[in-house]
Amino acid sequence: MKVRVQSVNFTADQKLINFIQEKLNKLDQFHDRVIDGEVFLKVDNNPGKQNKISEIKLNIPGHELVVKKQCKSFEEAAQLGADALRRQLRKHKEKVNAIAS
């Protein structure tokens, strides 16, 4: 799957981009027609510790799944986002299979 990673107002290192790519590539197991993904990484201005935002958009035929997570680190936000997308993909696939049968 092709994943575009965009970091807003900072430069993401290659290690973080590879981590996100690896997590999102695992989503191909749950839906075989994933087109592509887009990840936006942002740093929030609040003084708290949970100021890293990861917004993930996943394109599948006819739909766009979106998840936004805010955590202490980008890795944690990407992991939680990938888990949430996995649940959404399963629900979507079950819904499509129920309609088709």
PDB file of N, CA and C in Angstrom:
ATOM      1  N   MET A   1       0.843  -1.168   0.000  1.00  0.00           N
ATOM      2  CA  MET A   1       0.000   0.000   0.000  1.00  0.00           C
ATOM      3  C   MET A   1       0.895   1.240   0.000  1.00  0.00           C
ATOM      4  N   LYS A   2       0.486   2.230  -0.741  1.00  0.00           N
ATOM      5  CA  LYS A   2       1.237   3.487  -0.794  1.00  0.00           C
ATOM      6  C   LYS A   2       0.760   4.387   0.347  1.00  0.00           C
ATOM      7  N   VAL A   3       1.706   4.834   1.152  1.00  0.00           N
ATOM      8  CA  VAL A   3       1.394   5.696   2.292  1.00  0.00           C
ATOM      9  C   VAL A   3       2.181   6.992   2.150  1.00  0.00           C
ATOM     10  N   ARG A   4       1.460   8.106   2.196  1.00  0.00           N
ATOM     11  CA  ARG A   4       2.108   9.423   2.171  1.00  0.00           C
ATOM     12  C   ARG A   4       2.106   9.972   3.593  1.00  0.00           C
ATOM     13  N   VAL A   5       3.278  10.342   4.082  1.00  0.00           N
ATOM     14  CA  VAL A   5       3.414  10.900   5.427  1.00  0.00           C
ATOM     15  C   VAL A   5       3.769  12.369   5.290  1.00  0.00           C
ATOM     16  N   GLN A   6       2.956  13.223   5.906  1.00  0.00           N
ATOM     17  CA  GLN A   6       3.203  14.657   5.889  1.00  0.00           C
ATOM     18  C   GLN A   6       3.353  15.140   7.316  1.00  0.00           C
ATOM     19  N   SER A   7       4.467  15.777   7.601  1.00  0.00           N
ATOM     20  CA  SER A   7       4.681  16.340   8.927  1.00  0.00           C
ATOM     21  C   SER A   7       4.517  17.850   8.829  1.00  0.00           C
ATOM     22  N   VAL A   8       3.663  18.391   9.681  1.00  0.00           N
ATOM     23  CA  VAL A   8       3.331  19.802   9.645  1.00  0.00           C
ATOM     24  C   VAL A   8       4.252  20.570  10.589  1.00  0.00           C
ATOM     25  N   ASN A   9       4.993  21.518  10.058  1.00  0.00           N
ATOM     26  CA  ASN A   9       5.885  22.413  10.807  1.00  0.00           C
ATOM     27  C   ASN A   9       7.068  21.719  11.472  1.00  0.00           C
ATOM     28  N   PHE A  10       7.433  20.544  11.023  1.00  0.00           N
ATOM     29  CA  PHE A  10       8.652  19.880  11.472  1.00  0.00           C
ATOM     30  C   PHE A  10       9.012  18.816  10.451  1.00  0.00           C
ATOM     31  N   THR A  11      10.215  18.280  10.566  1.00  0.00           N
ATOM     32  CA  THR A  11      10.662  17.243   9.643  1.00  0.00           C
ATOM     33  C   THR A  11      10.701  15.907  10.378  1.00  0.00           C
ATOM     34  N   ALA A  12       9.944  14.955   9.870  1.00  0.00           N
ATOM     35  CA  ALA A  12       9.910  13.624  10.479  1.00  0.00           C
ATOM     36  C   ALA A  12      11.122  12.830  10.017  1.00  0.00           C
ATOM     37  N   ASP A  13      11.738  12.104  10.938  1.00  0.00           N
ATOM     38  CA  ASP A  13      12.897  11.308  10.555  1.00  0.00           C
ATOM     39  C   ASP A  13      12.448  10.017   9.867  1.00  0.00           C
ATOM     40  N   GLN A  14      13.364   9.404   9.150  1.00  0.00           N
ATOM     41  CA  GLN A  14      13.054   8.219   8.350  1.00  0.00           C
ATOM     42  C   GLN A  14      12.620   7.049   9.217  1.00  0.00           C
ATOM     43  N   LYS A  15      13.137   6.958  10.429  1.00  0.00           N
ATOM     44  CA  LYS A  15      12.764   5.873  11.339  1.00  0.00           C
ATOM     45  C   LYS A  15      11.271   5.927  11.680  1.00  0.00           C
ATOM     46  N   LEU A  16      10.756   7.129  11.926  1.00  0.00           N
ATOM     47  CA  LEU A  16       9.333   7.306  12.221  1.00  0.00           C
ATOM     48  C   LEU A  16       8.485   6.979  10.997  1.00  0.00           C
ATOM     49  N   ILE A  17       8.914   7.424   9.833  1.00  0.00           N
ATOM     50  CA  ILE A  17       8.166   7.147   8.600  1.00  0.00           C
ATOM     51  C   ILE A  17       8.126   5.646   8.320  1.00  0.00           C
ATOM     52  N   ASN A  18       9.247   4.955   8.520  1.00  0.00           N
ATOM     53  CA  ASN A  18       9.279   3.502   8.325  1.00  0.00           C
ATOM     54  C   ASN A  18       8.373   2.790   9.314  1.00  0.00           C
ATOM     55  N   PHE A  19       8.331   3.259  10.563  1.00  0.00           N
ATOM     56  CA  PHE A  19       7.471   2.668  11.583  1.00  0.00           C
ATOM     57  C   PHE A  19       6.000   2.789  11.168  1.00  0.00           C
ATOM     58  N   ILE A  20       5.609   3.975  10.718  1.00  0.00           N
ATOM     59  CA  ILE A  20       4.221   4.200  10.302  1.00  0.00           C
ATOM     60  C   ILE A  20       3.888   3.345   9.087  1.00  0.00           C
ATOM     61  N   GLN A  21       4.796   3.284   8.118  1.00  0.00           N
ATOM     62  CA  GLN A  21       4.584   2.469   6.917  1.00  0.00           C
ATOM     63  C   GLN A  21       4.380   1.001   7.294  1.00  0.00           C
ATOM     64  N   GLU A  22       5.197   0.508   8.208  1.00  0.00           N
ATOM     65  CA  GLU A  22       5.106  -0.887   8.643  1.00  0.00           C
ATOM     66  C   GLU A  22       3.751  -1.171   9.303  1.00  0.00           C
ATOM     67  N   LYS A  23       3.299  -0.267  10.173  1.00  0.00           N
ATOM     68  CA  LYS A  23       2.017  -0.462  10.860  1.00  0.00           C
ATOM     69  C   LYS A  23       0.852  -0.443   9.888  1.00  0.00           C
ATOM     70  N   LEU A  24       0.882   0.473   8.930  1.00  0.00           N
ATOM     71  CA  LEU A  24      -0.229   0.571   7.991  1.00  0.00           C
ATOM     72  C   LEU A  24      -0.210  -0.542   6.952  1.00  0.00           C
ATOM     73  N   ASN A  25       0.962  -1.079   6.628  1.00  0.00           N
ATOM     74  CA  ASN A  25       1.033  -2.199   5.692  1.00  0.00           C
ATOM     75  C   ASN A  25       0.339  -3.433   6.248  1.00  0.00           C
ATOM     76  N   LYS A  26       0.307  -3.574   7.560  1.00  0.00           N
ATOM     77  CA  LYS A  26      -0.362  -4.722   8.177  1.00  0.00           C
ATOM     78  C   LYS A  26      -1.877  -4.671   7.990  1.00  0.00           C
ATOM     79  N   LEU A  27      -2.419  -3.499   7.662  1.00  0.00           N
ATOM     80  CA  LEU A  27      -3.862  -3.374   7.470  1.00  0.00           C
ATOM     81  C   LEU A  27      -4.327  -4.070   6.192  1.00  0.00           C
ATOM     82  N   ASP A  28      -3.407  -4.361   5.277  1.00  0.00           N
ATOM     83  CA  ASP A  28      -3.762  -5.083   4.052  1.00  0.00           C
ATOM     84  C   ASP A  28      -4.311  -6.477   4.356  1.00  0.00           C
ATOM     85  N   GLN A  29      -3.991  -7.019   5.520  1.00  0.00           N
ATOM     86  CA  GLN A  29      -4.484  -8.342   5.904  1.00  0.00           C
ATOM     87  C   GLN A  29      -5.988  -8.329   6.168  1.00  0.00           C
ATOM     88  N   PHE A  30      -6.527  -7.179   6.549  1.00  0.00           N
ATOM     89  CA  PHE A  30      -7.915  -7.096   6.964  1.00  0.00           C
ATOM     90  C   PHE A  30      -8.853  -6.633   5.857  1.00  0.00           C
ATOM     91  N   HIS A  31      -8.309  -6.020   4.819  1.00  0.00           N
ATOM     92  CA  HIS A  31      -9.110  -5.606   3.673  1.00  0.00           C
ATOM     93  C   HIS A  31      -8.202  -5.654   2.455  1.00  0.00           C
ATOM     94  N   ASP A  32      -8.597  -6.411   1.452  1.00  0.00           N
ATOM     95  CA  ASP A  32      -7.704  -6.651   0.322  1.00  0.00           C
ATOM     96  C   ASP A  32      -7.741  -5.544  -0.729  1.00  0.00           C
ATOM     97  N   ARG A  33      -8.626  -4.564  -0.582  1.00  0.00           N
ATOM     98  CA  ARG A  33      -8.730  -3.529  -1.609  1.00  0.00           C
ATOM     99  C   ARG A  33      -8.396  -2.136  -1.081  1.00  0.00           C
ATOM    100  N   VAL A  34      -7.452  -2.037  -0.181  1.00  0.00           N
ATOM    101  CA  VAL A  34      -7.010  -0.738   0.314  1.00  0.00           C
ATOM    102  C   VAL A  34      -6.233  -0.042  -0.800  1.00  0.00           C
ATOM    103  N   ILE A  35      -6.641   1.177  -1.128  1.00  0.00           N
ATOM    104  CA  ILE A  35      -6.008   1.912  -2.228  1.00  0.00           C
ATOM    105  C   ILE A  35      -4.722   2.579  -1.756  1.00  0.00           C
ATOM    106  N   ASP A  36      -4.847   3.471  -0.785  1.00  0.00           N
ATOM    107  CA  ASP A  36      -3.671   4.166  -0.265  1.00  0.00           C
ATOM    108  C   ASP A  36      -4.000   4.785   1.091  1.00  0.00           C
ATOM    109  N   GLY A  37      -2.986   5.368   1.693  1.00  0.00           N
ATOM    110  CA  GLY A  37      -3.157   5.995   2.993  1.00  0.00           C
ATOM    111  C   GLY A  37      -2.413   7.317   3.047  1.00  0.00           C
ATOM    112  N   GLU A  38      -2.912   8.192   3.909  1.00  0.00           N
ATOM    113  CA  GLU A  38      -2.286   9.486   4.115  1.00  0.00           C
ATOM    114  C   GLU A  38      -2.179   9.717   5.611  1.00  0.00           C
ATOM    115  N   VAL A  39      -1.015  10.144   6.062  1.00  0.00           N
ATOM    116  CA  VAL A  39      -0.781  10.374   7.483  1.00  0.00           C
ATOM    117  C   VAL A  39      -0.319  11.810   7.667  1.00  0.00           C
ATOM    118  N   PHE A  40      -0.981  12.520   8.585  1.00  0.00           N
ATOM    119  CA  PHE A  40      -0.592  13.880   8.929  1.00  0.00           C
ATOM    120  C   PHE A  40      -0.100  13.873  10.365  1.00  0.00           C
ATOM    121  N   LEU A  41       1.125  14.324  10.577  1.00  0.00           N
ATOM    122  CA  LEU A  41       1.722  14.400  11.902  1.00  0.00           C
ATOM    123  C   LEU A  41       1.812  15.863  12.307  1.00  0.00           C
ATOM    124  N   LYS A  42       1.267  16.181  13.485  1.00  0.00           N
ATOM    125  CA  LYS A  42       1.253  17.563  13.952  1.00  0.00           C
ATOM    126  C   LYS A  42       1.665  17.599  15.417  1.00  0.00           C
ATOM    127  N   VAL A  43       2.217  18.737  15.827  1.00  0.00           N
ATOM    128  CA  VAL A  43       2.524  18.967  17.230  1.00  0.00           C
ATOM    129  C   VAL A  43       1.588  20.056  17.717  1.00  0.00           C
ATOM    130  N   ASP A  44       0.803  19.740  18.754  1.00  0.00           N
ATOM    131  CA  ASP A  44      -0.158  20.685  19.312  1.00  0.00           C
ATOM    132  C   ASP A  44       0.572  21.672  20.227  1.00  0.00           C
ATOM    133  N   ASN A  45       0.036  22.864  20.365  1.00  0.00           N
ATOM    134  CA  ASN A  45       0.682  23.895  21.173  1.00  0.00           C
ATOM    135  C   ASN A  45       0.357  23.826  22.657  1.00  0.00           C
ATOM    136  N   ASN A  46      -0.449  22.874  23.074  1.00  0.00           N
ATOM    137  CA  ASN A  46      -0.797  22.830  24.497  1.00  0.00           C
ATOM    138  C   ASN A  46       0.414  22.415  25.335  1.00  0.00           C
ATOM    139  N   PRO A  47       0.492  22.892  26.562  1.00  0.00           N
ATOM    140  CA  PRO A  47       1.670  22.600  27.392  1.00  0.00           C
ATOM    141  C   PRO A  47       1.685  21.188  27.982  1.00  0.00           C
ATOM    142  N   GLY A  48       0.632  20.431  27.799  1.00  0.00           N
ATOM    143  CA  GLY A  48       0.566  19.069  28.340  1.00  0.00           C
ATOM    144  C   GLY A  48       1.502  18.118  27.618  1.00  0.00           C
ATOM    145  N   LYS A  49       1.617  16.920  28.176  1.00  0.00           N
ATOM    146  CA  LYS A  49       2.519  15.928  27.595  1.00  0.00           C
ATOM    147  C   LYS A  49       1.953  15.293  26.332  1.00  0.00           C
ATOM    148  N   GLN A  50       0.646  15.204  26.229  1.00  0.00           N
ATOM    149  CA  GLN A  50       0.041  14.559  25.062  1.00  0.00           C
ATOM    150  C   GLN A  50      -0.207  15.598  23.973  1.00  0.00           C
ATOM    151  N   ASN A  51       0.862  15.995  23.304  1.00  0.00           N
ATOM    152  CA  ASN A  51       0.730  17.035  22.294  1.00  0.00           C
ATOM    153  C   ASN A  51       1.088  16.571  20.884  1.00  0.00           C
ATOM    154  N   LYS A  52       1.240  15.278  20.671  1.00  0.00           N
ATOM    155  CA  LYS A  52       1.548  14.738  19.341  1.00  0.00           C
ATOM    156  C   LYS A  52       0.260  14.202  18.719  1.00  0.00           C
ATOM    157  N   ILE A  53      -0.074  14.696  17.541  1.00  0.00           N
ATOM    158  CA  ILE A  53      -1.315  14.312  16.867  1.00  0.00           C
ATOM    159  C   ILE A  53      -0.983  13.557  15.586  1.00  0.00           C
ATOM    160  N   SER A  54      -1.640  12.428  15.409  1.00  0.00           N
ATOM    161  CA  SER A  54      -1.508  11.635  14.198  1.00  0.00           C
ATOM    162  C   SER A  54      -2.902  11.469  13.596  1.00  0.00           C
ATOM    163  N   GLU A  55      -3.056  11.942  12.370  1.00  0.00           N
ATOM    164  CA  GLU A  55      -4.339  11.807  11.669  1.00  0.00           C
ATOM    165  C   GLU A  55      -4.101  10.924  10.453  1.00  0.00           C
ATOM    166  N   ILE A  56      -4.840   9.822  10.380  1.00  0.00           N
ATOM    167  CA  ILE A  56      -4.631   8.838   9.319  1.00  0.00           C
ATOM    168  C   ILE A  56      -5.902   8.716   8.486  1.00  0.00           C
ATOM    169  N   LYS A  57      -5.745   8.834   7.167  1.00  0.00           N
ATOM    170  CA  LYS A  57      -6.849   8.633   6.224  1.00  0.00           C
ATOM    171  C   LYS A  57      -6.519   7.413   5.392  1.00  0.00           C
ATOM    172  N   LEU A  58      -7.467   6.504   5.279  1.00  0.00           N
ATOM    173  CA  LEU A  58      -7.281   5.294   4.497  1.00  0.00           C
ATOM    174  C   LEU A  58      -8.364   5.248   3.428  1.00  0.00           C
ATOM    175  N   ASN A  59      -7.955   5.133   2.185  1.00  0.00           N
ATOM    176  CA  ASN A  59      -8.898   5.100   1.071  1.00  0.00           C
ATOM    177  C   ASN A  59      -9.156   3.664   0.641  1.00  0.00           C
ATOM    178  N   ILE A  60     -10.436   3.297   0.653  1.00  0.00           N
ATOM    179  CA  ILE A  60     -10.882   2.019   0.115  1.00  0.00           C
ATOM    180  C   ILE A  60     -11.968   2.339  -0.904  1.00  0.00           C
ATOM    181  N   PRO A  61     -12.263   1.452  -1.813  1.00  0.00           N
ATOM    182  CA  PRO A  61     -13.235   1.779  -2.858  1.00  0.00           C
ATOM    183  C   PRO A  61     -14.579   2.242  -2.282  1.00  0.00           C
ATOM    184  N   GLY A  62     -14.927   3.468  -2.603  1.00  0.00           N
ATOM    185  CA  GLY A  62     -16.213   4.008  -2.181  1.00  0.00           C
ATOM    186  C   GLY A  62     -16.230   4.647  -0.810  1.00  0.00           C
ATOM    187  N   HIS A  63     -15.159   4.545  -0.042  1.00  0.00           N
ATOM    188  CA  HIS A  63     -15.151   5.083   1.320  1.00  0.00           C
ATOM    189  C   HIS A  63     -13.782   5.639   1.678  1.00  0.00           C
ATOM    190  N   GLU A  64     -13.799   6.477   2.694  1.00  0.00           N
ATOM    191  CA  GLU A  64     -12.567   7.012   3.261  1.00  0.00           C
ATOM    192  C   GLU A  64     -12.667   6.878   4.778  1.00  0.00           C
ATOM    193  N   LEU A  65     -11.760   6.126   5.356  1.00  0.00           N
ATOM    194  CA  LEU A  65     -11.747   5.927   6.803  1.00  0.00           C
ATOM    195  C   LEU A  65     -10.745   6.897   7.415  1.00  0.00           C
ATOM    196  N   VAL A  66     -11.160   7.592   8.480  1.00  0.00           N
ATOM    197  CA  VAL A  66     -10.318   8.607   9.095  1.00  0.00           C
ATOM    198  C   VAL A  66     -10.220   8.346  10.591  1.00  0.00           C
ATOM    199  N   VAL A  67      -8.994   8.454  11.113  1.00  0.00           N
ATOM    200  CA  VAL A  67      -8.743   8.289  12.548  1.00  0.00           C
ATOM    201  C   VAL A  67      -7.810   9.410  12.985  1.00  0.00           C
ATOM    202  N   LYS A  68      -8.113   9.996  14.137  1.00  0.00           N
ATOM    203  CA  LYS A  68      -7.250  11.041  14.684  1.00  0.00           C
ATOM    204  C   LYS A  68      -6.943  10.680  16.129  1.00  0.00           C
ATOM    205  N   LYS A  69      -5.654  10.576  16.461  1.00  0.00           N
ATOM    206  CA  LYS A  69      -5.222  10.198  17.809  1.00  0.00           C
ATOM    207  C   LYS A  69      -4.215  11.214  18.330  1.00  0.00           C
ATOM    208  N   GLN A  70      -4.307  11.494  19.632  1.00  0.00           N
ATOM    209  CA  GLN A  70      -3.380  12.419  20.281  1.00  0.00           C
ATOM    210  C   GLN A  70      -2.737  11.703  21.460  1.00  0.00           C
ATOM    211  N   CYS A  71      -1.407  11.633  21.458  1.00  0.00           N
ATOM    212  CA  CYS A  71      -0.668  10.867  22.465  1.00  0.00           C
ATOM    213  C   CYS A  71       0.630  11.580  22.835  1.00  0.00           C
ATOM    214  N   LYS A  72       1.424  10.882  23.657  1.00  0.00           N
ATOM    215  CA  LYS A  72       2.721  11.417  24.080  1.00  0.00           C
ATOM    216  C   LYS A  72       3.756  11.357  22.963  1.00  0.00           C
ATOM    217  N   SER A  73       3.652  10.349  22.098  1.00  0.00           N
ATOM    218  CA  SER A  73       4.625  10.191  21.015  1.00  0.00           C
ATOM    219  C   SER A  73       3.890   9.869  19.712  1.00  0.00           C
ATOM    220  N   PHE A  74       4.555  10.150  18.608  1.00  0.00           N
ATOM    221  CA  PHE A  74       3.972   9.841  17.307  1.00  0.00           C
ATOM    222  C   PHE A  74       3.837   8.339  17.100  1.00  0.00           C
ATOM    223  N   GLU A  75       4.779   7.571  17.637  1.00  0.00           N
ATOM    224  CA  GLU A  75       4.708   6.119  17.494  1.00  0.00           C
ATOM    225  C   GLU A  75       3.457   5.564  18.169  1.00  0.00           C
ATOM    226  N   GLU A  76       3.181   6.043  19.381  1.00  0.00           N
ATOM    227  CA  GLU A  76       1.999   5.584  20.107  1.00  0.00           C
ATOM    228  C   GLU A  76       0.724   5.999  19.380  1.00  0.00           C
ATOM    229  N   ALA A  77       0.686   7.231  18.878  1.00  0.00           N
ATOM    230  CA  ALA A  77      -0.486   7.713  18.148  1.00  0.00           C
ATOM    231  C   ALA A  77      -0.699   6.906  16.870  1.00  0.00           C
ATOM    232  N   ALA A  78       0.384   6.577  16.166  1.00  0.00           N
ATOM    233  CA  ALA A  78       0.264   5.776  14.940  1.00  0.00           C
ATOM    234  C   ALA A  78      -0.212   4.367  15.256  1.00  0.00           C
ATOM    235  N   GLN A  79       0.284   3.784  16.338  1.00  0.00           N
ATOM    236  CA  GLN A  79      -0.134   2.439  16.742  1.00  0.00           C
ATOM    237  C   GLN A  79      -1.621   2.411  17.085  1.00  0.00           C
ATOM    238  N   LEU A  80      -2.075   3.378  17.895  1.00  0.00           N
ATOM    239  CA  LEU A  80      -3.489   3.436  18.262  1.00  0.00           C
ATOM    240  C   LEU A  80      -4.370   3.712  17.042  1.00  0.00           C
ATOM    241  N   GLY A  81      -3.882   4.554  16.137  1.00  0.00           N
ATOM    242  CA  GLY A  81      -4.625   4.832  14.911  1.00  0.00           C
ATOM    243  C   GLY A  81      -4.749   3.604  14.023  1.00  0.00           C
ATOM    244  N   ALA A  82      -3.672   2.845  13.899  1.00  0.00           N
ATOM    245  CA  ALA A  82      -3.704   1.621  13.096  1.00  0.00           C
ATOM    246  C   ALA A  82      -4.661   0.601  13.702  1.00  0.00           C
ATOM    247  N   ASP A  83      -4.690   0.506  15.035  1.00  0.00           N
ATOM    248  CA  ASP A  83      -5.629  -0.407  15.701  1.00  0.00           C
ATOM    249  C   ASP A  83      -7.071   0.010  15.441  1.00  0.00           C
ATOM    250  N   ALA A  84      -7.345   1.299  15.524  1.00  0.00           N
ATOM    251  CA  ALA A  84      -8.693   1.799  15.271  1.00  0.00           C
ATOM    252  C   ALA A  84      -9.102   1.558  13.816  1.00  0.00           C
ATOM    253  N   LEU A  85      -8.171   1.758  12.888  1.00  0.00           N
ATOM    254  CA  LEU A  85      -8.476   1.501  11.479  1.00  0.00           C
ATOM    255  C   LEU A  85      -8.717   0.021  11.222  1.00  0.00           C
ATOM    256  N   ARG A  86      -7.991  -0.833  11.922  1.00  0.00           N
ATOM    257  CA  ARG A  86      -8.205  -2.275  11.777  1.00  0.00           C
ATOM    258  C   ARG A  86      -9.646  -2.625  12.158  1.00  0.00           C
ATOM    259  N   ARG A  87     -10.128  -2.059  13.270  1.00  0.00           N
ATOM    260  CA  ARG A  87     -11.519  -2.314  13.682  1.00  0.00           C
ATOM    261  C   ARG A  87     -12.506  -1.775  12.653  1.00  0.00           C
ATOM    262  N   GLN A  88     -12.237  -0.574  12.124  1.00  0.00           N
ATOM    263  CA  GLN A  88     -13.128   0.001  11.117  1.00  0.00           C
ATOM    264  C   GLN A  88     -13.145  -0.837   9.846  1.00  0.00           C
ATOM    265  N   LEU A  89     -11.980  -1.341   9.428  1.00  0.00           N
ATOM    266  CA  LEU A  89     -11.917  -2.173   8.226  1.00  0.00           C
ATOM    267  C   LEU A  89     -12.701  -3.462   8.408  1.00  0.00           C
ATOM    268  N   ARG A  90     -12.570  -4.085   9.581  1.00  0.00           N
ATOM    269  CA  ARG A  90     -13.327  -5.316   9.845  1.00  0.00           C
ATOM    270  C   ARG A  90     -14.823  -5.058   9.792  1.00  0.00           C
ATOM    271  N   LYS A  91     -15.274  -3.970  10.434  1.00  0.00           N
ATOM    272  CA  LYS A  91     -16.701  -3.638  10.425  1.00  0.00           C
ATOM    273  C   LYS A  91     -17.185  -3.380   9.011  1.00  0.00           C
ATOM    274  N   HIS A  92     -16.397  -2.629   8.246  1.00  0.00           N
ATOM    275  CA  HIS A  92     -16.789  -2.307   6.877  1.00  0.00           C
ATOM    276  C   HIS A  92     -16.873  -3.566   6.024  1.00  0.00           C
ATOM    277  N   LYS A  93     -15.904  -4.446   6.172  1.00  0.00           N
ATOM    278  CA  LYS A  93     -15.893  -5.676   5.382  1.00  0.00           C
ATOM    279  C   LYS A  93     -17.078  -6.574   5.765  1.00  0.00           C
ATOM    280  N   GLU A  94     -17.385  -6.652   7.055  1.00  0.00           N
ATOM    281  CA  GLU A  94     -18.539  -7.444   7.493  1.00  0.00           C
ATOM    282  C   GLU A  94     -19.834  -6.863   6.925  1.00  0.00           C
ATOM    283  N   LYS A  95     -19.929  -5.553   6.922  1.00  0.00           N
ATOM    284  CA  LYS A  95     -21.125  -4.889   6.413  1.00  0.00           C
ATOM    285  C   LYS A  95     -21.288  -5.153   4.912  1.00  0.00           C
ATOM    286  N   VAL A  96     -20.188  -5.069   4.155  1.00  0.00           N
ATOM    287  CA  VAL A  96     -20.236  -5.312   2.713  1.00  0.00           C
ATOM    288  C   VAL A  96     -20.587  -6.773   2.428  1.00  0.00           C
ATOM    289  N   ASN A  97     -20.002  -7.694   3.189  1.00  0.00           N
ATOM    290  CA  ASN A  97     -20.287  -9.113   3.001  1.00  0.00           C
ATOM    291  C   ASN A  97     -21.735  -9.434   3.353  1.00  0.00           C
ATOM    292  N   ALA A  98     -22.284  -8.781   4.364  1.00  0.00           N
ATOM    293  CA  ALA A  98     -23.679  -9.012   4.751  1.00  0.00           C
ATOM    294  C   ALA A  98     -24.634  -8.513   3.668  1.00  0.00           C
ATOM    295  N   ILE A  99     -24.298  -7.395   3.044  1.00  0.00           N
ATOM    296  CA  ILE A  99     -25.138  -6.857   1.973  1.00  0.00           C
ATOM    297  C   ILE A  99     -25.050  -7.727   0.730  1.00  0.00           C
ATOM    298  N   ALA A 100     -23.856  -8.229   0.434  1.00  0.00           N
ATOM    299  CA  ALA A 100     -23.650  -9.037  -0.769  1.00  0.00           C
ATOM    300  C   ALA A 100     -24.312 -10.406  -0.684  1.00  0.00           C
ATOM    301  N   SER A 101     -24.464 -10.926   0.524  1.00  0.00           N
ATOM    302  CA  SER A 101     -25.047 -12.282   0.625  1.00  0.00           C
ATOM    303  C   SER A 101     -26.524 -12.282   0.859  1.00  0.00           C
TER     304      SER A 101
END
